C-alpha atoms as a PDB file:
ATOM      1  CA  MET A   1      78.708 113.941  77.703  1.00  0.00           C
ATOM      2  CA  HIS A   2      80.637 113.760  74.445  1.00  0.00           C
ATOM      3  CA  ALA A   3      79.294 111.239  71.949  1.00  0.00           C
ATOM      4  CA  LEU A   4      82.878 110.427  70.969  1.00  0.00           C
ATOM      5  CA  TRP A   5      83.857 109.208  74.438  1.00  0.00           C
ATOM      6  CA  PHE A   6      85.274 105.822  73.340  1.00  0.00           C
ATOM      7  CA  ARG A   7      85.794 106.133  69.628  1.00  0.00           C
ATOM      8  CA  THR A   8      86.561 102.763  68.068  1.00  0.00           C
ATOM      9  CA  THR A   9      89.711 103.229  66.007  1.00  0.00           C
ATOM     10  CA  ALA A  10      92.543 100.895  65.148  1.00  0.00           C
ATOM     11  CA  ALA A  11      94.825 102.765  67.568  1.00  0.00           C
ATOM     12  CA  ALA A  12      92.290 102.589  70.398  1.00  0.00           C
ATOM     13  CA  VAL A  13      91.580  98.889  69.870  1.00  0.00           C
ATOM     14  CA  ALA A  14      95.287  98.075  69.740  1.00  0.00           C
ATOM     15  CA  ALA A  15      95.940 100.116  72.888  1.00  0.00           C
ATOM     16  CA  ALA A  16      93.130  98.405  74.777  1.00  0.00           C
ATOM     17  CA  SER A  17      94.439  94.984  73.781  1.00  0.00           C
ATOM     18  CA  ILE A  18      97.944  95.818  74.947  1.00  0.00           C
ATOM     19  CA  LEU A  19      96.739  97.247  78.260  1.00  0.00           C
ATOM     20  CA  ALA A  20      94.622  94.158  78.880  1.00  0.00           C
ATOM     21  CA  ALA A  21      97.542  91.846  78.082  1.00  0.00           C
ATOM     22  CA  THR A  22      99.909  93.280  80.707  1.00  0.00           C
ATOM     23  CA  PRO A  23     101.320  90.356  82.756  1.00  0.00           C
ATOM     24  CA  ALA A  24      99.577  90.063  86.121  1.00  0.00           C
ATOM     25  CA  GLY A  25     101.759  91.076  89.034  1.00  0.00           C
ATOM     26  CA  ALA A  26     104.338  92.923  86.956  1.00  0.00           C
ATOM     27  CA  PHE A  27     103.042  96.278  88.173  1.00  0.00           C
ATOM     28  CA  THR A  28      99.763  97.852  89.211  1.00  0.00           C
ATOM     29  CA  ARG A  29      98.035 100.717  87.421  1.00  0.00           C
ATOM     30  CA  PRO A  30      96.188 103.375  89.419  1.00  0.00           C
ATOM     31  CA  THR A  31      92.486 102.895  90.042  1.00  0.00           C
ATOM     32  CA  ALA A  32      90.477 103.949  87.020  1.00  0.00           C
ATOM     33  CA  ASN A  33      88.598 107.168  87.861  1.00  0.00           C
ATOM     34  CA  GLY A  34      90.042 107.107  91.375  1.00  0.00           C
ATOM     35  CA  GLN A  35      90.253 110.476  93.135  1.00  0.00           C
ATOM     36  CA  PHE A  36      93.615 112.019  92.269  1.00  0.00           C
ATOM     37  CA  ASP A  37      95.747 114.588  94.097  1.00  0.00           C
ATOM     38  CA  TYR A  38      98.704 116.319  92.439  1.00  0.00           C
ATOM     39  CA  GLN A  39     101.266 117.263  95.107  1.00  0.00           C
ATOM     40  CA  ILE A  40     104.484 117.862  93.192  1.00  0.00           C
ATOM     41  CA  GLY A  41     104.804 121.347  94.684  1.00  0.00           C
ATOM     42  CA  GLY A  42     104.990 119.963  98.223  1.00  0.00           C
ATOM     43  CA  ALA A  43     103.650 116.951 100.096  1.00  0.00           C
ATOM     44  CA  TYR A  44     100.739 117.147 102.543  1.00  0.00           C
ATOM     45  CA  ALA A  45      98.218 114.745 104.069  1.00  0.00           C
ATOM     46  CA  ALA A  46      95.781 113.667 101.377  1.00  0.00           C
ATOM     47  CA  ALA A  47      92.047 113.782 102.017  1.00  0.00           C
ATOM     48  CA  ALA A  48      90.396 110.529 103.043  1.00  0.00           C
ATOM     49  CA  GLY A  49      88.680 110.083  99.682  1.00  0.00           C
ATOM     50  CA  VAL A  50      91.875 110.455  97.661  1.00  0.00           C
ATOM     51  CA  ALA A  51      93.102 107.166  96.200  1.00  0.00           C
ATOM     52  CA  ILE A  52      96.041 108.361  94.081  1.00  0.00           C
ATOM     53  CA  VAL A  53      98.752 110.853  95.045  1.00  0.00           C
ATOM     54  CA  ASP A  54     101.497 112.177  92.775  1.00  0.00           C
ATOM     55  CA  ARG A  55     104.599 113.521  94.557  1.00  0.00           C
ATOM     56  CA  ASP A  56     108.123 114.577  93.679  1.00  0.00           C
ATOM     57  CA  ARG A  57     110.668 111.752  93.653  1.00  0.00           C
ATOM     58  CA  LEU A  58     112.440 113.252  96.679  1.00  0.00           C
ATOM     59  CA  ALA A  59     109.272 113.108  98.787  1.00  0.00           C
ATOM     60  CA  ALA A  60     107.986 110.019 100.576  1.00  0.00           C
ATOM     61  CA  PRO A  61     105.007 108.148  99.108  1.00  0.00           C
ATOM     62  CA  ALA A  62     101.621 109.032 100.612  1.00  0.00           C
ATOM     63  CA  PRO A  63     100.727 106.467 103.301  1.00  0.00           C
ATOM     64  CA  GLY A  64      97.861 104.220 102.293  1.00  0.00           C
ATOM     65  CA  LYS A  65      97.544 105.745  98.810  1.00  0.00           C
ATOM     66  CA  TYR A  66      98.594 104.643  95.338  1.00  0.00           C
ATOM     67  CA  SER A  67     101.653 106.875  94.968  1.00  0.00           C
ATOM     68  CA  ILE A  68     103.108 108.150  91.714  1.00  0.00           C
ATOM     69  CA  CYS A  69     106.716 109.372  91.592  1.00  0.00           C
ATOM     70  CA  TYR A  70     107.262 112.598  89.635  1.00  0.00           C
ATOM     71  CA  VAL A  71     110.550 112.673  87.698  1.00  0.00           C
ATOM     72  CA  ASN A  72     111.555 115.577  85.466  1.00  0.00           C
ATOM     73  CA  ALA A  73     112.987 113.222  82.850  1.00  0.00           C
ATOM     74  CA  PHE A  74     113.383 115.534  79.850  1.00  0.00           C
ATOM     75  CA  GLN A  75     114.437 118.782  81.566  1.00  0.00           C
ATOM     76  CA  THR A  76     116.423 119.763  84.645  1.00  0.00           C
ATOM     77  CA  GLN A  77     114.880 120.713  87.963  1.00  0.00           C
ATOM     78  CA  PRO A  78     115.565 124.346  88.968  1.00  0.00           C
ATOM     79  CA  ASP A  79     117.642 123.398  92.016  1.00  0.00           C
ATOM     80  CA  ASP A  80     119.800 121.034  89.943  1.00  0.00           C
ATOM     81  CA  ALA A  81     120.835 123.460  87.203  1.00  0.00           C
ATOM     82  CA  VAL A  82     124.357 124.059  88.510  1.00  0.00           C
ATOM     83  CA  TRP A  83     124.923 120.333  89.001  1.00  0.00           C
ATOM     84  CA  TRP A  84     123.964 119.624  85.396  1.00  0.00           C
ATOM     85  CA  THR A  85     125.976 122.466  83.862  1.00  0.00           C
ATOM     86  CA  THR A  86     129.011 121.560  85.952  1.00  0.00           C
ATOM     87  CA  ASN A  87     128.950 117.791  85.579  1.00  0.00           C
ATOM     88  CA  HIS A  88     126.978 117.015  82.434  1.00  0.00           C
ATOM     89  CA  SER A  89     127.052 120.053  80.188  1.00  0.00           C
ATOM     90  CA  ASN A  90     127.308 117.724  77.179  1.00  0.00           C
ATOM     91  CA  LEU A  91     123.888 116.268  77.998  1.00  0.00           C
ATOM     92  CA  LEU A  92     122.098 119.618  77.822  1.00  0.00           C
ATOM     93  CA  VAL A  93     120.618 120.985  74.613  1.00  0.00           C
ATOM     94  CA  LYS A  94     122.624 123.843  73.090  1.00  0.00           C
ATOM     95  CA  LYS A  95     121.885 126.050  70.105  1.00  0.00           C
ATOM     96  CA  ASN A  96     124.662 128.247  68.701  1.00  0.00           C
ATOM     97  CA  GLY A  97     126.703 127.517  71.811  1.00  0.00           C
ATOM     98  CA  LYS A  98     123.991 128.581  74.263  1.00  0.00           C
ATOM     99  CA  TYR A  99     121.892 126.387  76.515  1.00  0.00           C
ATOM    100  CA  VAL A 100     118.276 126.019  75.465  1.00  0.00           C
ATOM    101  CA  ILE A 101     115.820 126.608  78.291  1.00  0.00           C
ATOM    102  CA  ASP A 102     112.096 126.172  78.707  1.00  0.00           C
ATOM    103  CA  PRO A 103     110.588 129.632  78.060  1.00  0.00           C
ATOM    104  CA  GLU A 104     107.763 128.932  80.524  1.00  0.00           C
ATOM    105  CA  TRP A 105     110.183 127.710  83.200  1.00  0.00           C
ATOM    106  CA  PRO A 106     113.385 129.688  82.524  1.00  0.00           C
ATOM    107  CA  ASP A 107     115.417 127.891  85.193  1.00  0.00           C
ATOM    108  CA  GLU A 108     114.963 124.514  83.495  1.00  0.00           C
ATOM    109  CA  TYR A 109     117.447 123.341  80.859  1.00  0.00           C
ATOM    110  CA  LEU A 110     116.445 120.801  78.229  1.00  0.00           C
ATOM    111  CA  LEU A 111     118.116 117.386  78.322  1.00  0.00           C
ATOM    112  CA  ASP A 112     119.694 116.288  75.044  1.00  0.00           C
ATOM    113  CA  THR A 113     118.057 113.106  73.763  1.00  0.00           C
ATOM    114  CA  SER A 114     119.344 113.541  70.206  1.00  0.00           C
ATOM    115  CA  THR A 115     121.671 110.524  69.974  1.00  0.00           C
ATOM    116  CA  ALA A 116     121.649 106.968  71.247  1.00  0.00           C
ATOM    117  CA  ALA A 117     124.863 107.648  73.171  1.00  0.00           C
ATOM    118  CA  LYS A 118     123.361 110.657  74.935  1.00  0.00           C
ATOM    119  CA  ARG A 119     120.170 108.770  75.719  1.00  0.00           C
ATOM    120  CA  THR A 120     122.247 105.999  77.280  1.00  0.00           C
ATOM    121  CA  ALA A 121     124.212 108.546  79.318  1.00  0.00           C
ATOM    122  CA  LEU A 122     120.991 110.191  80.489  1.00  0.00           C
ATOM    123  CA  MET A 123     119.572 106.819  81.526  1.00  0.00           C
ATOM    124  CA  ALA A 124     122.670 106.255  83.665  1.00  0.00           C
ATOM    125  CA  ILE A 125     121.485 109.274  85.681  1.00  0.00           C
ATOM    126  CA  ILE A 126     117.700 109.064  85.486  1.00  0.00           C
ATOM    127  CA  GLY A 127     117.417 105.275  85.584  1.00  0.00           C
ATOM    128  CA  PRO A 128     118.618 105.110  89.209  1.00  0.00           C
ATOM    129  CA  TRP A 129     116.043 107.776  90.128  1.00  0.00           C
ATOM    130  CA  ILE A 130     113.334 105.461  88.815  1.00  0.00           C
ATOM    131  CA  ASP A 131     114.811 102.531  90.724  1.00  0.00           C
ATOM    132  CA  GLN A 132     114.797 104.633  93.888  1.00  0.00           C
ATOM    133  CA  CYS A 133     111.122 105.468  93.357  1.00  0.00           C
ATOM    134  CA  ALA A 134     110.424 101.738  93.486  1.00  0.00           C
ATOM    135  CA  ARG A 135     112.586 101.181  96.563  1.00  0.00           C
ATOM    136  CA  ASP A 136     110.837 104.052  98.337  1.00  0.00           C
ATOM    137  CA  GLY A 137     107.456 102.420  97.793  1.00  0.00           C
ATOM    138  CA  PHE A 138     105.979 104.315  94.861  1.00  0.00           C
ATOM    139  CA  LYS A 139     103.797 102.288  92.499  1.00  0.00           C
ATOM    140  CA  ALA A 140     104.284 104.331  89.331  1.00  0.00           C
ATOM    141  CA  VAL A 141     106.431 107.017  87.778  1.00  0.00           C
ATOM    142  CA  GLU A 142     105.476 110.207  85.923  1.00  0.00           C
ATOM    143  CA  PRO A 143     108.282 111.364  83.585  1.00  0.00           C
ATOM    144  CA  ASP A 144     107.609 115.012  82.818  1.00  0.00           C
ATOM    145  CA  ASN A 145     108.295 117.190  79.770  1.00  0.00           C
ATOM    146  CA  LEU A 146     107.929 114.484  77.149  1.00  0.00           C
ATOM    147  CA  ASP A 147     107.226 117.303  74.676  1.00  0.00           C
ATOM    148  CA  SER A 148     110.562 119.065  75.227  1.00  0.00           C
ATOM    149  CA  TRP A 149     111.435 118.759  71.538  1.00  0.00           C
ATOM    150  CA  THR A 150     108.815 121.439  70.821  1.00  0.00           C
ATOM    151  CA  ARG A 151     110.916 123.908  72.833  1.00  0.00           C
ATOM    152  CA  SER A 152     114.344 122.791  71.591  1.00  0.00           C
ATOM    153  CA  LYS A 153     114.785 125.237  68.705  1.00  0.00           C
ATOM    154  CA  SER A 154     114.774 122.237  66.354  1.00  0.00           C
ATOM    155  CA  VAL A 155     117.721 120.528  68.060  1.00  0.00           C
ATOM    156  CA  LEU A 156     115.481 117.654  69.193  1.00  0.00           C
ATOM    157  CA  THR A 157     112.792 115.770  67.320  1.00  0.00           C
ATOM    158  CA  LYS A 158     109.718 113.778  68.250  1.00  0.00           C
ATOM    159  CA  ALA A 159     111.657 110.634  67.313  1.00  0.00           C
ATOM    160  CA  HIS A 160     114.466 111.488  69.759  1.00  0.00           C
ATOM    161  CA  ASN A 161     112.074 111.860  72.683  1.00  0.00           C
ATOM    162  CA  THR A 162     110.091 108.793  71.658  1.00  0.00           C
ATOM    163  CA  ALA A 163     113.279 106.733  71.733  1.00  0.00           C
ATOM    164  CA  PHE A 164     114.156 108.028  75.191  1.00  0.00           C
ATOM    165  CA  ALA A 165     110.614 107.465  76.443  1.00  0.00           C
ATOM    166  CA  LYS A 166     110.912 103.800  75.452  1.00  0.00           C
ATOM    167  CA  LEU A 167     114.016 103.503  77.633  1.00  0.00           C
ATOM    168  CA  LEU A 168     112.162 105.088  80.542  1.00  0.00           C
ATOM    169  CA  VAL A 169     109.289 102.632  80.112  1.00  0.00           C
ATOM    170  CA  GLN A 170     111.669  99.675  80.058  1.00  0.00           C
ATOM    171  CA  ARG A 171     113.385 100.869  83.233  1.00  0.00           C
ATOM    172  CA  ALA A 172     110.100 101.518  85.048  1.00  0.00           C
ATOM    173  CA  HIS A 173     108.662  98.136  84.141  1.00  0.00           C
ATOM    174  CA  ALA A 174     111.910  96.416  85.161  1.00  0.00           C
ATOM    175  CA  ALA A 175     111.415  98.029  88.584  1.00  0.00           C
ATOM    176  CA  ASN A 176     107.766  96.846  88.674  1.00  0.00           C
ATOM    177  CA  LEU A 177     106.458 100.382  88.290  1.00  0.00           C
ATOM    178  CA  ALA A 178     103.663 101.536  86.009  1.00  0.00           C
ATOM    179  CA  ILE A 179     104.535 104.606  83.959  1.00  0.00           C
ATOM    180  CA  ALA A 180     102.419 107.523  82.765  1.00  0.00           C
ATOM    181  CA  GLN A 181     102.366 109.432  79.539  1.00  0.00           C
ATOM    182  CA  LYS A 182     102.484 113.096  80.552  1.00  0.00           C
ATOM    183  CA  ASN A 183     100.670 115.428  78.138  1.00  0.00           C
ATOM    184  CA  THR A 184     101.909 115.436  74.507  1.00  0.00           C
ATOM    185  CA  SER A 185      98.814 114.528  72.505  1.00  0.00           C
ATOM    186  CA  GLU A 186     100.971 114.081  69.394  1.00  0.00           C
ATOM    187  CA  LEU A 187     102.301 110.862  70.908  1.00  0.00           C
ATOM    188  CA  ALA A 188      99.042 109.555  72.362  1.00  0.00           C
ATOM    189  CA  PRO A 189      98.276 107.306  69.349  1.00  0.00           C
ATOM    190  CA  ILE A 190     101.532 105.397  69.943  1.00  0.00           C
ATOM    191  CA  GLY A 191     101.723 105.927  73.701  1.00  0.00           C
ATOM    192  CA  VAL A 192     100.628 102.369  74.478  1.00  0.00           C
ATOM    193  CA  SER A 193     101.254 100.429  71.285  1.00  0.00           C
ATOM    194  CA  GLN A 194     104.804 101.608  70.543  1.00  0.00           C
ATOM    195  CA  ILE A 195     106.163 103.375  73.620  1.00  0.00           C
ATOM    196  CA  GLY A 196     104.487 101.266  76.304  1.00  0.00           C
ATOM    197  CA  PHE A 197     102.910 103.798  78.668  1.00  0.00           C
ATOM    198  CA  ASP A 198     100.277 102.448  81.062  1.00  0.00           C
ATOM    199  CA  PHE A 199      98.070 105.477  81.799  1.00  0.00           C
ATOM    200  CA  ALA A 200      98.073 109.226  81.178  1.00  0.00           C
ATOM    201  CA  ILE A 201      98.407 112.355  83.307  1.00  0.00           C
ATOM    202  CA  VAL A 202      97.174 115.329  81.329  1.00  0.00           C
ATOM    203  CA  GLU A 203      97.288 119.040  82.092  1.00  0.00           C
ATOM    204  CA  GLU A 204      94.802 121.522  80.641  1.00  0.00           C
ATOM    205  CA  CYS A 205      93.415 119.245  77.969  1.00  0.00           C
ATOM    206  CA  GLN A 206      90.023 120.984  78.299  1.00  0.00           C
ATOM    207  CA  LEU A 207      91.633 124.332  77.585  1.00  0.00           C
ATOM    208  CA  TRP A 208      93.425 122.966  74.511  1.00  0.00           C
ATOM    209  CA  SER A 209      90.582 120.694  73.335  1.00  0.00           C
ATOM    210  CA  GLU A 210      92.743 117.575  73.276  1.00  0.00           C
ATOM    211  CA  CYS A 211      91.282 115.359  76.016  1.00  0.00           C
ATOM    212  CA  GLU A 212      89.796 112.860  73.595  1.00  0.00           C
ATOM    213  CA  ALA A 213      93.242 112.196  72.132  1.00  0.00           C
ATOM    214  CA  PHE A 214      94.070 110.604  75.486  1.00  0.00           C
ATOM    215  CA  THR A 215      90.750 109.014  76.477  1.00  0.00           C
ATOM    216  CA  GLU A 216      90.580 107.312  73.079  1.00  0.00           C
ATOM    217  CA  ILE A 217      93.799 105.463  73.915  1.00  0.00           C
ATOM    218  CA  TYR A 218      93.830 105.207  77.718  1.00  0.00           C
ATOM    219  CA  GLY A 219      90.079 104.968  78.360  1.00  0.00           C
ATOM    220  CA  ASN A 220      89.233 105.854  81.950  1.00  0.00           C
ATOM    221  CA  GLN A 221      92.849 105.724  83.113  1.00  0.00           C
ATOM    222  CA  VAL A 222      93.405 109.383  82.307  1.00  0.00           C
ATOM    223  CA  TYR A 223      94.030 111.783  85.208  1.00  0.00           C
ATOM    224  CA  GLU A 224      93.238 115.354  84.185  1.00  0.00           C
ATOM    225  CA  ILE A 225      94.443 118.572  85.820  1.00  0.00           C
ATOM    226  CA  GLU A 226      92.954 121.975  85.037  1.00  0.00           C
ATOM    227  CA  TYR A 227      94.558 125.068  86.603  1.00  0.00           C
ATOM    228  CA  ASN A 228      93.065 128.106  88.293  1.00  0.00           C
ATOM    229  CA  ASP A 229      95.110 130.743  86.450  1.00  0.00           C
ATOM    230  CA  ASN A 230      93.780 130.144  82.931  1.00  0.00           C
ATOM    231  CA  ASP A 231      91.688 133.271  82.435  1.00  0.00           C
ATOM    232  CA  ARG A 232      91.772 133.132  78.609  1.00  0.00           C
ATOM    233  CA  ASP A 233      90.470 130.511  76.249  1.00  0.00           C
ATOM    234  CA  ALA A 234      92.508 129.089  73.367  1.00  0.00           C
ATOM    235  CA  ASP A 235      91.460 132.051  71.197  1.00  0.00           C
ATOM    236  CA  GLY A 236      92.511 134.618  73.793  1.00  0.00           C
ATOM    237  CA  ASN A 237      89.038 135.538  74.969  1.00  0.00           C
ATOM    238  CA  PRO A 238      88.605 136.275  78.703  1.00  0.00           C
ATOM    239  CA  VAL A 239      86.957 133.487  80.703  1.00  0.00           C
ATOM    240  CA  ASP A 240      86.490 132.407  84.293  1.00  0.00           C
ATOM    241  CA  PRO A 241      89.236 129.812  84.971  1.00  0.00           C
ATOM    242  CA  ILE A 242      86.795 127.518  86.751  1.00  0.00           C
ATOM    243  CA  SER A 243      84.845 127.211  83.493  1.00  0.00           C
ATOM    244  CA  PHE A 244      87.397 124.761  82.074  1.00  0.00           C
ATOM    245  CA  PHE A 245      87.099 122.532  85.118  1.00  0.00           C
ATOM    246  CA  ASN A 246      83.302 122.702  85.062  1.00  0.00           C
ATOM    247  CA  ALA A 247      83.188 121.860  81.366  1.00  0.00           C
ATOM    248  CA  ALA A 248      85.600 118.971  81.868  1.00  0.00           C
ATOM    249  CA  CYS A 249      83.510 117.581  84.714  1.00  0.00           C
ATOM    250  CA  SER A 250      80.357 117.847  82.641  1.00  0.00           C
ATOM    251  CA  ALA A 251      81.967 116.099  79.674  1.00  0.00           C
ATOM    252  CA  ARG A 252      84.038 113.391  81.378  1.00  0.00           C
ATOM    253  CA  GLY A 253      83.686 113.613  85.143  1.00  0.00           C
ATOM    254  CA  SER A 254      81.786 110.333  85.424  1.00  0.00           C
ATOM    255  CA  LYS A 255      84.472 108.504  83.457  1.00  0.00           C
ATOM    256  CA  ILE A 256      87.879 109.884  84.496  1.00  0.00           C
ATOM    257  CA  SER A 257      89.418 111.643  87.488  1.00  0.00           C
ATOM    258  CA  ILE A 258      89.549 115.424  87.024  1.00  0.00           C
ATOM    259  CA  ILE A 259      91.036 117.935  89.454  1.00  0.00           C
ATOM    260  CA  TYR A 260      91.398 121.718  89.693  1.00  0.00           C
ATOM    261  CA  ARG A 261      94.644 122.990  91.173  1.00  0.00           C
ATOM    262  CA  ASP A 262      96.686 126.114  91.704  1.00  0.00           C
ATOM    263  CA  ARG A 263      99.484 126.486  89.155  1.00  0.00           C
ATOM    264  CA  ASP A 264     102.325 125.906  91.628  1.00  0.00           C
ATOM    265  CA  VAL A 265     100.494 122.956  93.230  1.00  0.00           C
ATOM    266  CA  VAL A 266     101.437 124.230  96.678  1.00  0.00           C
ATOM    267  CA  PRO A 267     100.674 122.250  99.859  1.00  0.00           C
ATOM    268  CA  ALA A 268      97.371 122.530 101.693  1.00  0.00           C
ATOM    269  CA  GLY A 269      97.581 125.380 104.195  1.00  0.00           C
ATOM    270  CA  ASP A 270      99.401 127.685 101.795  1.00  0.00           C
ATOM    271  CA  GLY A 271      97.376 130.776 100.891  1.00  0.00           C
ATOM    272  CA  ASP A 272      97.564 129.942  97.181  1.00  0.00           C
ATOM    273  CA  TYR A 273      96.372 126.348  97.586  1.00  0.00           C
ATOM    274  CA  GLU A 274      93.295 125.315  95.651  1.00  0.00           C
ATOM    275  CA  TYR A 275      91.922 121.840  95.010  1.00  0.00           C
ATOM    276  CA  LYS A 276      88.648 120.568  93.616  1.00  0.00           C
ATOM    277  CA  TRP A 277      87.725 117.148  92.273  1.00  0.00           C
ATOM    278  CA  CYS A 278      84.933 115.622  90.250  1.00  0.00           C
END
């Protein structure tokens, strides 16, 4: 286990104080170190031991589980690309007259958070999605692609996305939903104290050696996902993908929930499905 598990820093102390001071009954955070299942690629019946299930906003919450509502809040979903370009082209990031897309997900356009007016217009679309998550029975929301500014060809900044994240937090809390910080270690130090996130969902932090950036702030309310297609380490050396999961479990498995999933997070029964937990 890492000796630096709960490093005592000003940011960590402030975050812990804020988390502890959340008004009772306003919303409920997921169980610390509860078994987590990431189902955004398609819903399926969760195993009996699973306490927390994350599903796409268009899916129903998992019966009897703490359900988190996935919302792609900083980029478009692939199936919605035509709707966005037709109806809200002005709210998509453009560089030299061309739409900016996510190079890893080339059918996802980046949403333009660069001005207060555009952030307000985006909230008029995304805010009702969050409200619907609450009406459907979800307990929390996961706004994805917080780090979209890093892919924006310098059109967006960290400050732009931070400002929009604050609006998302306000809307979630108004709907009595907890809200997760998704990835983006650069914002972890202010994730609680300035933005207002309640817990963290983190992908591949073992691979990128950034898990402690989140556990320092969120303690044991970090939910880690390692994927089964990472066959290279951060330096490009070949490795067994399961090695990241095993190392994560050894380092933090007794403190936080860690899972191993297939990249497309397909439903159980699909030939590509893989799920492990520690």
